[in-house]
Amino acid sequence: MSVTVEISKEAEAKLKSRADEMGKGLPDFVEYLLEREARDPERSFDEIVAPIHDDFAKSGMTEDELEALLDEVVHEVRAERASRVK
C-alpha cells in the first residue's frame, strides 16, 4: 500500500533527524513508525504504569518511603551530572 501525506518542513526536519539517529532513511523510518503504531497502538497512562503500581503495592513501602527514595535518587543524579559539567 502506498500513501502520500503533506507535512510541515519542521516535522520533516525532525523526522529526518530521528531517522538519521536510527540509521534509517526517511521513508524507511516513516514506514517503521506506521508499522509500530499498527502493532502497538498507544496505551493509556494507567496501562503503562500498572506494573509499577502493582510492584509498589506488593513492596509494602509507604508513600513517604517512596518519596524519600525518589528524592535521594534525584539528588544522586543531579550530583553526578554536576560533577560531569565541571
N, C-alpha and C. Protein backbone atom coordinates (compact mmCIF):
# COMPACT_ATOMS: atom_id res chain seq x y z
N MET A 1 0.85 -1.17 0.00
CA MET A 1 0.00 0.00 0.00
C MET A 1 0.89 1.23 0.00
N SER A 2 0.45 2.24 -0.67
CA SER A 2 1.19 3.49 -0.75
C SER A 2 0.29 4.63 -0.31
N VAL A 3 0.84 5.57 0.47
CA VAL A 3 0.09 6.71 0.97
C VAL A 3 0.95 7.95 0.79
N THR A 4 0.34 9.04 0.38
CA THR A 4 1.05 10.31 0.25
C THR A 4 0.46 11.28 1.26
N VAL A 5 1.34 11.91 2.03
CA VAL A 5 0.90 12.89 3.02
C VAL A 5 1.76 14.15 2.90
N GLU A 6 1.17 15.27 3.27
CA GLU A 6 1.89 16.53 3.31
C GLU A 6 2.17 16.86 4.77
N ILE A 7 3.42 17.18 5.08
CA ILE A 7 3.78 17.56 6.44
C ILE A 7 4.57 18.86 6.39
N SER A 8 4.64 19.54 7.52
CA SER A 8 5.39 20.80 7.59
C SER A 8 6.87 20.55 7.45
N LYS A 9 7.60 21.58 7.07
CA LYS A 9 9.06 21.47 6.95
C LYS A 9 9.68 21.15 8.31
N GLU A 10 9.09 21.70 9.38
CA GLU A 10 9.60 21.43 10.72
C GLU A 10 9.45 19.95 11.08
N ALA A 11 8.27 19.40 10.78
CA ALA A 11 8.04 17.98 11.06
C ALA A 11 8.98 17.12 10.22
N GLU A 12 9.18 17.49 8.97
CA GLU A 12 10.08 16.74 8.11
C GLU A 12 11.50 16.75 8.67
N ALA A 13 11.94 17.91 9.10
CA ALA A 13 13.31 18.02 9.65
C ALA A 13 13.46 17.15 10.89
N LYS A 14 12.45 17.15 11.77
CA LYS A 14 12.52 16.34 12.98
C LYS A 14 12.51 14.86 12.65
N LEU A 15 11.67 14.47 11.69
CA LEU A 15 11.62 13.06 11.29
C LEU A 15 12.94 12.63 10.66
N LYS A 16 13.51 13.49 9.83
CA LYS A 16 14.81 13.16 9.20
C LYS A 16 15.88 12.98 10.27
N SER A 17 15.86 13.86 11.27
CA SER A 17 16.84 13.77 12.35
C SER A 17 16.69 12.46 13.11
N ARG A 18 15.46 12.10 13.45
CA ARG A 18 15.19 10.83 14.16
C ARG A 18 15.60 9.64 13.29
N ALA A 19 15.31 9.73 11.98
CA ALA A 19 15.68 8.64 11.06
C ALA A 19 17.19 8.48 11.05
N ASP A 20 17.91 9.60 10.98
CA ASP A 20 19.38 9.54 10.99
C ASP A 20 19.91 8.89 12.26
N GLU A 21 19.31 9.23 13.40
CA GLU A 21 19.73 8.65 14.68
C GLU A 21 19.58 7.13 14.67
N MET A 22 18.58 6.64 13.95
CA MET A 22 18.33 5.20 13.89
C MET A 22 19.03 4.54 12.71
N GLY A 23 19.76 5.34 11.92
CA GLY A 23 20.45 4.78 10.77
C GLY A 23 19.50 4.37 9.66
N LYS A 24 18.38 5.06 9.54
CA LYS A 24 17.38 4.74 8.52
C LYS A 24 17.18 5.94 7.61
N GLY A 25 16.73 5.67 6.39
CA GLY A 25 16.29 6.74 5.52
C GLY A 25 14.91 7.18 5.96
N LEU A 26 14.50 8.37 5.54
CA LEU A 26 13.20 8.89 5.97
C LEU A 26 12.05 7.97 5.58
N PRO A 27 11.96 7.47 4.34
CA PRO A 27 10.84 6.58 4.02
C PRO A 27 10.80 5.32 4.89
N ASP A 28 11.96 4.74 5.14
CA ASP A 28 12.01 3.55 6.00
C ASP A 28 11.60 3.87 7.43
N PHE A 29 12.00 5.04 7.92
CA PHE A 29 11.65 5.43 9.28
C PHE A 29 10.15 5.66 9.41
N VAL A 30 9.56 6.34 8.43
CA VAL A 30 8.11 6.58 8.46
C VAL A 30 7.37 5.25 8.39
N GLU A 31 7.83 4.33 7.57
CA GLU A 31 7.22 3.01 7.49
C GLU A 31 7.31 2.31 8.85
N TYR A 32 8.49 2.40 9.49
CA TYR A 32 8.69 1.81 10.81
C TYR A 32 7.68 2.38 11.81
N LEU A 33 7.50 3.71 11.82
CA LEU A 33 6.57 4.34 12.75
C LEU A 33 5.14 3.86 12.51
N LEU A 34 4.74 3.79 11.27
CA LEU A 34 3.38 3.35 10.96
C LEU A 34 3.16 1.90 11.33
N GLU A 35 4.14 1.04 11.03
CA GLU A 35 4.02 -0.37 11.38
C GLU A 35 3.96 -0.56 12.89
N ARG A 36 4.79 0.21 13.61
CA ARG A 36 4.80 0.12 15.07
C ARG A 36 3.46 0.54 15.64
N GLU A 37 2.90 1.60 15.11
CA GLU A 37 1.59 2.07 15.58
C GLU A 37 0.51 1.04 15.29
N ALA A 38 0.59 0.39 14.15
CA ALA A 38 -0.41 -0.62 13.79
C ALA A 38 -0.32 -1.83 14.72
N ARG A 39 0.90 -2.18 15.14
CA ARG A 39 1.09 -3.33 16.04
C ARG A 39 0.73 -3.00 17.48
N ASP A 40 1.20 -1.87 17.96
CA ASP A 40 1.05 -1.49 19.36
C ASP A 40 0.46 -0.09 19.47
N PRO A 41 -0.85 0.03 19.33
CA PRO A 41 -1.43 1.37 19.48
C PRO A 41 -1.10 1.93 20.85
N GLU A 42 -1.07 3.20 20.94
CA GLU A 42 -0.67 3.87 22.18
C GLU A 42 -1.54 3.41 23.35
N ARG A 43 -0.85 3.05 24.41
CA ARG A 43 -1.55 2.61 25.61
C ARG A 43 -1.83 3.82 26.50
N SER A 44 -2.83 3.69 27.36
CA SER A 44 -3.14 4.78 28.29
C SER A 44 -2.05 4.83 29.36
N PHE A 45 -1.98 5.96 30.04
CA PHE A 45 -1.01 6.12 31.11
C PHE A 45 -1.22 5.07 32.19
N ASP A 46 -2.48 4.80 32.52
CA ASP A 46 -2.78 3.80 33.54
C ASP A 46 -2.27 2.42 33.14
N GLU A 47 -2.39 2.08 31.86
CA GLU A 47 -1.89 0.78 31.39
C GLU A 47 -0.37 0.71 31.48
N ILE A 48 0.28 1.82 31.18
CA ILE A 48 1.75 1.84 31.20
C ILE A 48 2.28 1.69 32.63
N VAL A 49 1.66 2.38 33.59
CA VAL A 49 2.18 2.36 34.96
C VAL A 49 1.61 1.25 35.82
N ALA A 50 0.68 0.47 35.30
CA ALA A 50 0.06 -0.60 36.11
C ALA A 50 1.08 -1.54 36.73
N PRO A 51 2.10 -2.02 35.97
CA PRO A 51 3.07 -2.92 36.60
C PRO A 51 3.86 -2.23 37.72
N ILE A 52 4.15 -0.95 37.56
CA ILE A 52 4.87 -0.22 38.60
C ILE A 52 3.99 -0.09 39.84
N HIS A 53 2.73 0.23 39.62
CA HIS A 53 1.78 0.36 40.73
C HIS A 53 1.66 -0.96 41.49
N ASP A 54 1.55 -2.06 40.74
CA ASP A 54 1.42 -3.39 41.37
C ASP A 54 2.66 -3.73 42.18
N ASP A 55 3.85 -3.48 41.62
CA ASP A 55 5.09 -3.76 42.35
C ASP A 55 5.19 -2.93 43.62
N PHE A 56 4.77 -1.64 43.53
CA PHE A 56 4.80 -0.79 44.70
C PHE A 56 3.86 -1.34 45.77
N ALA A 57 2.65 -1.74 45.38
CA ALA A 57 1.68 -2.28 46.34
C ALA A 57 2.23 -3.54 47.02
N LYS A 58 2.91 -4.39 46.26
CA LYS A 58 3.47 -5.63 46.81
C LYS A 58 4.67 -5.37 47.72
N SER A 59 5.36 -4.25 47.51
CA SER A 59 6.59 -3.99 48.25
C SER A 59 6.35 -3.70 49.73
N GLY A 60 5.16 -3.19 50.05
CA GLY A 60 4.88 -2.82 51.43
C GLY A 60 5.44 -1.46 51.79
N MET A 61 6.08 -0.79 50.84
CA MET A 61 6.66 0.53 51.08
C MET A 61 5.54 1.55 51.22
N THR A 62 5.73 2.52 52.11
CA THR A 62 4.74 3.58 52.25
C THR A 62 5.01 4.66 51.19
N GLU A 63 4.02 5.52 50.98
CA GLU A 63 4.21 6.62 50.03
C GLU A 63 5.33 7.55 50.49
N ASP A 64 5.45 7.76 51.79
CA ASP A 64 6.52 8.61 52.32
C ASP A 64 7.89 7.99 52.05
N GLU A 65 8.00 6.66 52.21
CA GLU A 65 9.27 5.98 51.93
C GLU A 65 9.61 6.07 50.45
N LEU A 66 8.61 5.91 49.60
CA LEU A 66 8.85 6.03 48.17
C LEU A 66 9.30 7.44 47.80
N GLU A 67 8.64 8.42 48.38
CA GLU A 67 9.02 9.81 48.11
C GLU A 67 10.46 10.08 48.56
N ALA A 68 10.85 9.57 49.71
CA ALA A 68 12.22 9.74 50.20
C ALA A 68 13.22 9.06 49.27
N LEU A 69 12.88 7.86 48.80
CA LEU A 69 13.75 7.14 47.88
C LEU A 69 13.92 7.91 46.58
N LEU A 70 12.82 8.41 46.03
CA LEU A 70 12.89 9.17 44.79
C LEU A 70 13.69 10.46 44.97
N ASP A 71 13.50 11.14 46.09
CA ASP A 71 14.28 12.35 46.37
C ASP A 71 15.77 12.04 46.42
N GLU A 72 16.12 10.92 47.03
CA GLU A 72 17.52 10.51 47.13
C GLU A 72 18.11 10.23 45.75
N VAL A 73 17.36 9.53 44.91
CA VAL A 73 17.83 9.21 43.57
C VAL A 73 18.00 10.47 42.73
N VAL A 74 17.04 11.38 42.83
CA VAL A 74 17.13 12.64 42.09
C VAL A 74 18.36 13.41 42.53
N HIS A 75 18.61 13.46 43.84
CA HIS A 75 19.79 14.15 44.36
C HIS A 75 21.07 13.52 43.82
N GLU A 76 21.14 12.19 43.80
CA GLU A 76 22.33 11.49 43.29
C GLU A 76 22.55 11.77 41.81
N VAL A 77 21.49 11.76 41.02
CA VAL A 77 21.61 12.01 39.58
C VAL A 77 22.07 13.45 39.34
N ARG A 78 21.49 14.38 40.06
CA ARG A 78 21.90 15.77 39.89
C ARG A 78 23.35 15.98 40.28
N ALA A 79 23.79 15.34 41.35
CA ALA A 79 25.19 15.46 41.79
C ALA A 79 26.11 14.87 40.73
N GLU A 80 25.72 13.74 40.16
CA GLU A 80 26.55 13.11 39.12
C GLU A 80 26.64 14.01 37.90
N ARG A 81 25.53 14.59 37.48
CA ARG A 81 25.54 15.49 36.31
C ARG A 81 26.40 16.71 36.60
N ALA A 82 26.30 17.25 37.80
CA ALA A 82 27.08 18.45 38.16
C ALA A 82 28.57 18.13 38.15
N SER A 83 28.94 16.92 38.55
CA SER A 83 30.36 16.57 38.57
C SER A 83 30.90 16.41 37.14
N ARG A 84 30.05 16.02 36.19
CA ARG A 84 30.48 15.87 34.79
C ARG A 84 30.66 17.21 34.12
N VAL A 85 29.91 18.23 34.56
CA VAL A 85 29.96 19.55 33.94
C VAL A 85 31.25 20.27 34.31
N LYS A 86 31.77 19.98 35.48
CA LYS A 86 32.98 20.68 35.96
C LYS A 86 34.20 20.31 35.21
